[in-house]
Amino acid sequence: MKLNTYRRTSAFTLVEIMIVVAIIGLLAAIAIPNFVRARTQSQATACINNLRLIDGAKQQWALENNQGPTAVPDEQDITPYLGRAAGGTYPTCPANGQYTIGAVNVKPTCSITTPIPHVLPD
C-alpha cells in the first residue's frame, strides 16, 4: 500500500494578499491628506510665532532707540533683538514666504496667504 506523500504547505492565497494590499491602500488614502494638513498647520503656527518675535523686536528697537510709532526699522536694525546672541538670527518662514517688517505701529506680515494665512491675530 502506497501512502500519499503529498504535503500541503501553508501559504497566503492571491485573494488574501490582494485584500491586505487594498486595506493598506485605504489606510494610506486616509492618512496622507491628514499628514499634509497637519504639516501645513504647523508651518503656519511656526510662521505666526516668527511674526510675534519680529514684532517684539521692533518694539524693543523703537524703545531703546527713541523711535516713534511711524519709524520703519530694517532687518539689520532688529536682528540683534532676535535671539540670545549679540548678532541674533533673523527668522525665515517655514513655508518659504517673505516677511515684511513695516513701521513700528504696524504688525509684520508674511507673503503666504493660502491655504492657511500667516497673519498675526489682533
N, C-alpha and C. Protein backbone atom coordinates (compact mmCIF):
# COMPACT_ATOMS: atom_id res chain seq x y z
N MET A 1 0.81 -1.15 0.00
CA MET A 1 0.00 0.00 0.00
C MET A 1 0.88 1.25 0.00
N LYS A 2 0.62 2.12 -0.92
CA LYS A 2 1.43 3.32 -1.05
C LYS A 2 0.70 4.48 -0.38
N LEU A 3 1.43 5.16 0.53
CA LEU A 3 0.87 6.31 1.23
C LEU A 3 1.07 7.57 0.38
N ASN A 4 0.12 8.42 0.51
CA ASN A 4 0.21 9.69 -0.22
C ASN A 4 1.27 10.57 0.44
N THR A 5 2.31 10.90 -0.27
CA THR A 5 3.41 11.68 0.28
C THR A 5 3.25 13.17 0.00
N TYR A 6 2.15 13.53 -0.60
CA TYR A 6 1.90 14.95 -0.91
C TYR A 6 1.59 15.70 0.38
N ARG A 7 2.38 16.72 0.65
CA ARG A 7 2.17 17.55 1.84
C ARG A 7 1.81 18.95 1.38
N ARG A 8 0.77 19.47 1.97
CA ARG A 8 0.34 20.82 1.61
C ARG A 8 1.13 21.82 2.45
N THR A 9 1.74 22.79 1.78
CA THR A 9 2.46 23.83 2.51
C THR A 9 1.50 24.99 2.73
N SER A 10 1.64 25.63 3.88
CA SER A 10 0.76 26.76 4.18
C SER A 10 1.35 28.02 3.55
N ALA A 11 0.49 28.74 2.87
CA ALA A 11 0.91 29.98 2.21
C ALA A 11 -0.32 30.86 2.04
N PHE A 12 -0.07 32.13 1.75
CA PHE A 12 -1.17 33.05 1.50
C PHE A 12 -1.66 32.88 0.07
N THR A 13 -2.95 32.98 -0.09
CA THR A 13 -3.51 32.91 -1.44
C THR A 13 -3.46 34.30 -2.06
N LEU A 14 -3.68 34.35 -3.34
CA LEU A 14 -3.65 35.62 -4.05
C LEU A 14 -4.75 36.54 -3.55
N VAL A 15 -5.90 36.02 -3.24
CA VAL A 15 -7.01 36.82 -2.74
C VAL A 15 -6.66 37.44 -1.39
N GLU A 16 -6.04 36.68 -0.51
CA GLU A 16 -5.65 37.21 0.80
C GLU A 16 -4.63 38.34 0.65
N ILE A 17 -3.68 38.18 -0.23
CA ILE A 17 -2.68 39.22 -0.46
C ILE A 17 -3.33 40.47 -1.04
N MET A 18 -4.28 40.30 -1.96
CA MET A 18 -4.97 41.45 -2.56
C MET A 18 -5.80 42.20 -1.51
N ILE A 19 -6.41 41.49 -0.58
CA ILE A 19 -7.18 42.14 0.49
C ILE A 19 -6.27 42.96 1.38
N VAL A 20 -5.12 42.42 1.73
CA VAL A 20 -4.17 43.14 2.58
C VAL A 20 -3.67 44.40 1.86
N VAL A 21 -3.36 44.30 0.59
CA VAL A 21 -2.89 45.45 -0.18
C VAL A 21 -3.99 46.51 -0.27
N ALA A 22 -5.24 46.07 -0.44
CA ALA A 22 -6.36 47.02 -0.51
C ALA A 22 -6.53 47.75 0.82
N ILE A 23 -6.40 47.06 1.92
CA ILE A 23 -6.53 47.68 3.24
C ILE A 23 -5.41 48.69 3.47
N ILE A 24 -4.19 48.34 3.09
CA ILE A 24 -3.07 49.27 3.24
C ILE A 24 -3.29 50.50 2.37
N GLY A 25 -3.78 50.32 1.16
CA GLY A 25 -4.08 51.45 0.28
C GLY A 25 -5.15 52.35 0.85
N LEU A 26 -6.18 51.77 1.45
CA LEU A 26 -7.24 52.55 2.07
C LEU A 26 -6.72 53.36 3.25
N LEU A 27 -5.90 52.76 4.08
CA LEU A 27 -5.31 53.48 5.21
C LEU A 27 -4.40 54.62 4.73
N ALA A 28 -3.65 54.37 3.67
CA ALA A 28 -2.79 55.43 3.13
C ALA A 28 -3.62 56.57 2.56
N ALA A 29 -4.73 56.24 1.92
CA ALA A 29 -5.59 57.28 1.35
C ALA A 29 -6.20 58.16 2.44
N ILE A 30 -6.39 57.61 3.61
CA ILE A 30 -6.92 58.38 4.73
C ILE A 30 -5.81 59.17 5.42
N ALA A 31 -4.65 58.58 5.57
CA ALA A 31 -3.58 59.18 6.38
C ALA A 31 -2.83 60.30 5.66
N ILE A 32 -2.59 60.17 4.37
CA ILE A 32 -1.75 61.15 3.67
C ILE A 32 -2.36 62.55 3.66
N PRO A 33 -3.65 62.73 3.34
CA PRO A 33 -4.19 64.09 3.41
C PRO A 33 -4.15 64.69 4.82
N ASN A 34 -4.34 63.85 5.83
CA ASN A 34 -4.25 64.35 7.21
C ASN A 34 -2.83 64.79 7.53
N PHE A 35 -1.85 64.06 7.03
CA PHE A 35 -0.45 64.42 7.25
C PHE A 35 -0.13 65.76 6.58
N VAL A 36 -0.61 65.94 5.35
CA VAL A 36 -0.36 67.19 4.63
C VAL A 36 -1.02 68.36 5.35
N ARG A 37 -2.25 68.16 5.83
CA ARG A 37 -2.96 69.21 6.55
C ARG A 37 -2.23 69.57 7.84
N ALA A 38 -1.75 68.57 8.56
CA ALA A 38 -1.02 68.83 9.81
C ALA A 38 0.28 69.56 9.54
N ARG A 39 0.95 69.22 8.46
CA ARG A 39 2.20 69.89 8.11
C ARG A 39 1.95 71.36 7.77
N THR A 40 0.90 71.63 7.00
CA THR A 40 0.55 72.99 6.63
C THR A 40 0.19 73.82 7.87
N GLN A 41 -0.56 73.21 8.78
CA GLN A 41 -0.95 73.91 10.01
C GLN A 41 0.26 74.21 10.88
N SER A 42 1.19 73.28 10.98
CA SER A 42 2.37 73.51 11.82
C SER A 42 3.28 74.58 11.21
N GLN A 43 3.35 74.64 9.87
CA GLN A 43 4.13 75.71 9.23
C GLN A 43 3.51 77.07 9.51
N ALA A 44 2.18 77.14 9.46
CA ALA A 44 1.51 78.41 9.74
C ALA A 44 1.74 78.84 11.18
N THR A 45 1.67 77.90 12.11
CA THR A 45 1.90 78.21 13.52
C THR A 45 3.32 78.71 13.75
N ALA A 46 4.30 78.04 13.14
CA ALA A 46 5.70 78.47 13.29
C ALA A 46 5.90 79.86 12.69
N CYS A 47 5.27 80.13 11.56
CA CYS A 47 5.40 81.45 10.92
C CYS A 47 4.78 82.54 11.79
N ILE A 48 3.62 82.27 12.38
CA ILE A 48 2.98 83.26 13.25
C ILE A 48 3.84 83.53 14.47
N ASN A 49 4.49 82.52 15.00
CA ASN A 49 5.41 82.73 16.13
C ASN A 49 6.60 83.58 15.70
N ASN A 50 7.09 83.37 14.48
CA ASN A 50 8.17 84.21 13.97
C ASN A 50 7.72 85.67 13.84
N LEU A 51 6.48 85.87 13.38
CA LEU A 51 5.95 87.23 13.27
C LEU A 51 5.85 87.90 14.64
N ARG A 52 5.49 87.11 15.67
CA ARG A 52 5.47 87.65 17.04
C ARG A 52 6.86 88.08 17.48
N LEU A 53 7.85 87.27 17.16
CA LEU A 53 9.24 87.63 17.51
C LEU A 53 9.67 88.92 16.81
N ILE A 54 9.34 89.02 15.54
CA ILE A 54 9.71 90.23 14.78
C ILE A 54 9.01 91.45 15.36
N ASP A 55 7.73 91.31 15.71
CA ASP A 55 7.00 92.44 16.28
C ASP A 55 7.60 92.86 17.62
N GLY A 56 7.94 91.89 18.46
CA GLY A 56 8.57 92.21 19.74
C GLY A 56 9.92 92.88 19.56
N ALA A 57 10.69 92.42 18.56
CA ALA A 57 11.99 93.02 18.29
C ALA A 57 11.83 94.46 17.79
N LYS A 58 10.80 94.72 16.98
CA LYS A 58 10.54 96.09 16.52
C LYS A 58 10.22 97.01 17.69
N GLN A 59 9.38 96.51 18.60
CA GLN A 59 9.00 97.32 19.76
C GLN A 59 10.22 97.62 20.64
N GLN A 60 11.05 96.62 20.84
CA GLN A 60 12.24 96.81 21.67
C GLN A 60 13.22 97.76 20.98
N TRP A 61 13.39 97.63 19.67
CA TRP A 61 14.27 98.53 18.92
C TRP A 61 13.79 99.98 19.05
N ALA A 62 12.48 100.19 18.90
CA ALA A 62 11.92 101.55 18.98
C ALA A 62 12.11 102.13 20.38
N LEU A 63 11.93 101.31 21.39
CA LEU A 63 12.08 101.77 22.77
C LEU A 63 13.52 102.15 23.08
N GLU A 64 14.46 101.30 22.69
CA GLU A 64 15.87 101.55 23.01
C GLU A 64 16.48 102.67 22.16
N ASN A 65 15.91 102.94 20.99
CA ASN A 65 16.48 103.97 20.11
C ASN A 65 15.62 105.22 20.02
N ASN A 66 14.67 105.37 20.95
CA ASN A 66 13.79 106.54 21.00
C ASN A 66 13.14 106.84 19.64
N GLN A 67 12.59 105.83 19.02
CA GLN A 67 11.93 105.98 17.73
C GLN A 67 10.42 106.07 17.94
N GLY A 68 9.76 106.81 17.08
CA GLY A 68 8.32 106.98 17.16
C GLY A 68 7.57 105.80 16.53
N PRO A 69 6.24 105.83 16.61
CA PRO A 69 5.45 104.71 16.09
C PRO A 69 5.47 104.60 14.56
N THR A 70 5.89 105.64 13.87
CA THR A 70 5.93 105.57 12.41
C THR A 70 7.32 105.23 11.87
N ALA A 71 8.28 105.03 12.75
CA ALA A 71 9.63 104.67 12.30
C ALA A 71 9.61 103.27 11.70
N VAL A 72 10.40 103.09 10.65
CA VAL A 72 10.44 101.80 9.95
C VAL A 72 11.83 101.20 10.10
N PRO A 73 12.00 100.18 10.94
CA PRO A 73 13.32 99.54 11.04
C PRO A 73 13.53 98.59 9.88
N ASP A 74 14.79 98.32 9.58
CA ASP A 74 15.06 97.29 8.59
C ASP A 74 15.55 96.03 9.28
N GLU A 75 15.85 95.02 8.50
CA GLU A 75 16.23 93.73 9.05
C GLU A 75 17.47 93.82 9.93
N GLN A 76 18.45 94.63 9.53
CA GLN A 76 19.68 94.76 10.30
C GLN A 76 19.43 95.46 11.64
N ASP A 77 18.44 96.33 11.69
CA ASP A 77 18.13 97.04 12.94
C ASP A 77 17.56 96.10 14.00
N ILE A 78 16.69 95.19 13.61
CA ILE A 78 16.02 94.35 14.61
C ILE A 78 16.68 93.00 14.84
N THR A 79 17.60 92.61 13.96
CA THR A 79 18.25 91.30 14.12
C THR A 79 18.94 91.13 15.47
N PRO A 80 19.60 92.14 16.04
CA PRO A 80 20.21 91.93 17.36
C PRO A 80 19.20 91.62 18.47
N TYR A 81 17.94 91.96 18.25
CA TYR A 81 16.91 91.71 19.27
C TYR A 81 16.21 90.36 19.06
N LEU A 82 16.65 89.60 18.07
CA LEU A 82 16.02 88.32 17.75
C LEU A 82 16.91 87.15 18.16
N GLY A 83 17.09 86.96 19.40
CA GLY A 83 17.89 85.83 19.84
C GLY A 83 18.73 86.16 21.04
N ARG A 84 19.45 85.19 21.49
CA ARG A 84 20.25 85.35 22.70
C ARG A 84 21.65 85.86 22.40
N ALA A 85 22.15 85.56 21.23
CA ALA A 85 23.50 86.01 20.91
C ALA A 85 23.46 87.49 20.51
N ALA A 86 24.62 88.11 20.50
CA ALA A 86 24.69 89.53 20.16
C ALA A 86 24.25 89.78 18.73
N GLY A 87 24.55 88.84 17.84
CA GLY A 87 24.18 89.01 16.44
C GLY A 87 22.74 88.69 16.16
N GLY A 88 22.14 87.77 16.91
CA GLY A 88 20.77 87.36 16.65
C GLY A 88 20.65 86.62 15.33
N THR A 89 19.49 86.07 15.07
CA THR A 89 19.23 85.36 13.83
C THR A 89 17.86 85.77 13.32
N TYR A 90 17.80 86.30 12.11
CA TYR A 90 16.53 86.70 11.54
C TYR A 90 15.76 85.45 11.11
N PRO A 91 14.52 85.28 11.54
CA PRO A 91 13.78 84.06 11.22
C PRO A 91 13.33 84.01 9.76
N THR A 92 13.09 82.81 9.28
CA THR A 92 12.56 82.62 7.94
C THR A 92 11.25 81.83 8.03
N CYS A 93 10.38 82.08 7.09
CA CYS A 93 9.09 81.39 7.06
C CYS A 93 9.32 79.93 6.66
N PRO A 94 8.77 78.97 7.40
CA PRO A 94 8.96 77.57 7.04
C PRO A 94 8.28 77.18 5.74
N ALA A 95 7.34 77.99 5.26
CA ALA A 95 6.66 77.71 4.00
C ALA A 95 7.24 78.56 2.86
N ASN A 96 8.43 79.09 3.05
CA ASN A 96 9.16 79.89 2.07
C ASN A 96 8.48 81.21 1.73
N GLY A 97 7.79 81.80 2.68
CA GLY A 97 7.20 83.12 2.49
C GLY A 97 8.23 84.19 2.80
N GLN A 98 7.90 85.43 2.48
CA GLN A 98 8.78 86.57 2.74
C GLN A 98 8.12 87.47 3.78
N TYR A 99 8.90 87.90 4.77
CA TYR A 99 8.39 88.77 5.82
C TYR A 99 8.54 90.23 5.42
N THR A 100 7.51 91.03 5.75
CA THR A 100 7.56 92.47 5.61
C THR A 100 7.51 93.05 7.00
N ILE A 101 8.52 93.83 7.37
CA ILE A 101 8.64 94.33 8.74
C ILE A 101 7.65 95.47 8.97
N GLY A 102 7.67 96.50 8.17
CA GLY A 102 6.75 97.62 8.30
C GLY A 102 7.14 98.56 9.43
N ALA A 103 6.28 99.54 9.67
CA ALA A 103 6.51 100.54 10.72
C ALA A 103 6.29 99.91 12.09
N VAL A 104 6.72 100.61 13.12
CA VAL A 104 6.63 100.10 14.49
C VAL A 104 5.18 99.87 14.89
N ASN A 105 4.26 100.75 14.46
CA ASN A 105 2.86 100.61 14.86
C ASN A 105 2.05 99.69 13.94
N VAL A 106 2.71 99.02 12.98
CA VAL A 106 2.05 98.11 12.05
C VAL A 106 2.59 96.70 12.29
N LYS A 107 1.68 95.73 12.31
CA LYS A 107 2.10 94.35 12.52
C LYS A 107 2.90 93.84 11.31
N PRO A 108 3.94 93.05 11.55
CA PRO A 108 4.67 92.46 10.42
C PRO A 108 3.78 91.45 9.70
N THR A 109 4.07 91.23 8.43
CA THR A 109 3.25 90.32 7.63
C THR A 109 4.12 89.30 6.92
N CYS A 110 3.46 88.24 6.46
CA CYS A 110 4.11 87.20 5.66
C CYS A 110 3.40 87.16 4.31
N SER A 111 4.12 86.79 3.27
CA SER A 111 3.54 86.76 1.93
C SER A 111 2.63 85.56 1.68
N ILE A 112 2.64 84.57 2.57
CA ILE A 112 1.78 83.38 2.40
C ILE A 112 0.36 83.73 2.84
N THR A 113 -0.59 83.54 1.93
CA THR A 113 -1.99 83.82 2.25
C THR A 113 -2.90 82.61 2.09
N THR A 114 -2.46 81.58 1.40
CA THR A 114 -3.29 80.37 1.23
C THR A 114 -2.43 79.15 1.45
N PRO A 115 -2.93 78.03 1.84
CA PRO A 115 -4.30 77.73 2.24
C PRO A 115 -4.63 78.24 3.64
N ILE A 116 -3.61 78.41 4.48
CA ILE A 116 -3.81 78.98 5.82
C ILE A 116 -3.01 80.27 5.87
N PRO A 117 -3.68 81.43 6.05
CA PRO A 117 -2.94 82.69 6.06
C PRO A 117 -2.01 82.79 7.26
N HIS A 118 -0.83 83.30 7.01
CA HIS A 118 0.15 83.52 8.07
C HIS A 118 0.02 84.97 8.52
N VAL A 119 -0.89 85.20 9.45
CA VAL A 119 -1.21 86.56 9.90
C VAL A 119 -1.24 86.58 11.43
N LEU A 120 -0.65 87.64 12.00
CA LEU A 120 -0.73 87.81 13.44
C LEU A 120 -2.17 88.10 13.85
N PRO A 121 -2.67 87.44 14.88
CA PRO A 121 -4.04 87.76 15.33
C PRO A 121 -4.07 89.13 16.00
N ASP A 122 -5.26 89.70 16.07
CA ASP A 122 -5.42 91.02 16.70
C ASP A 122 -5.26 90.96 18.19
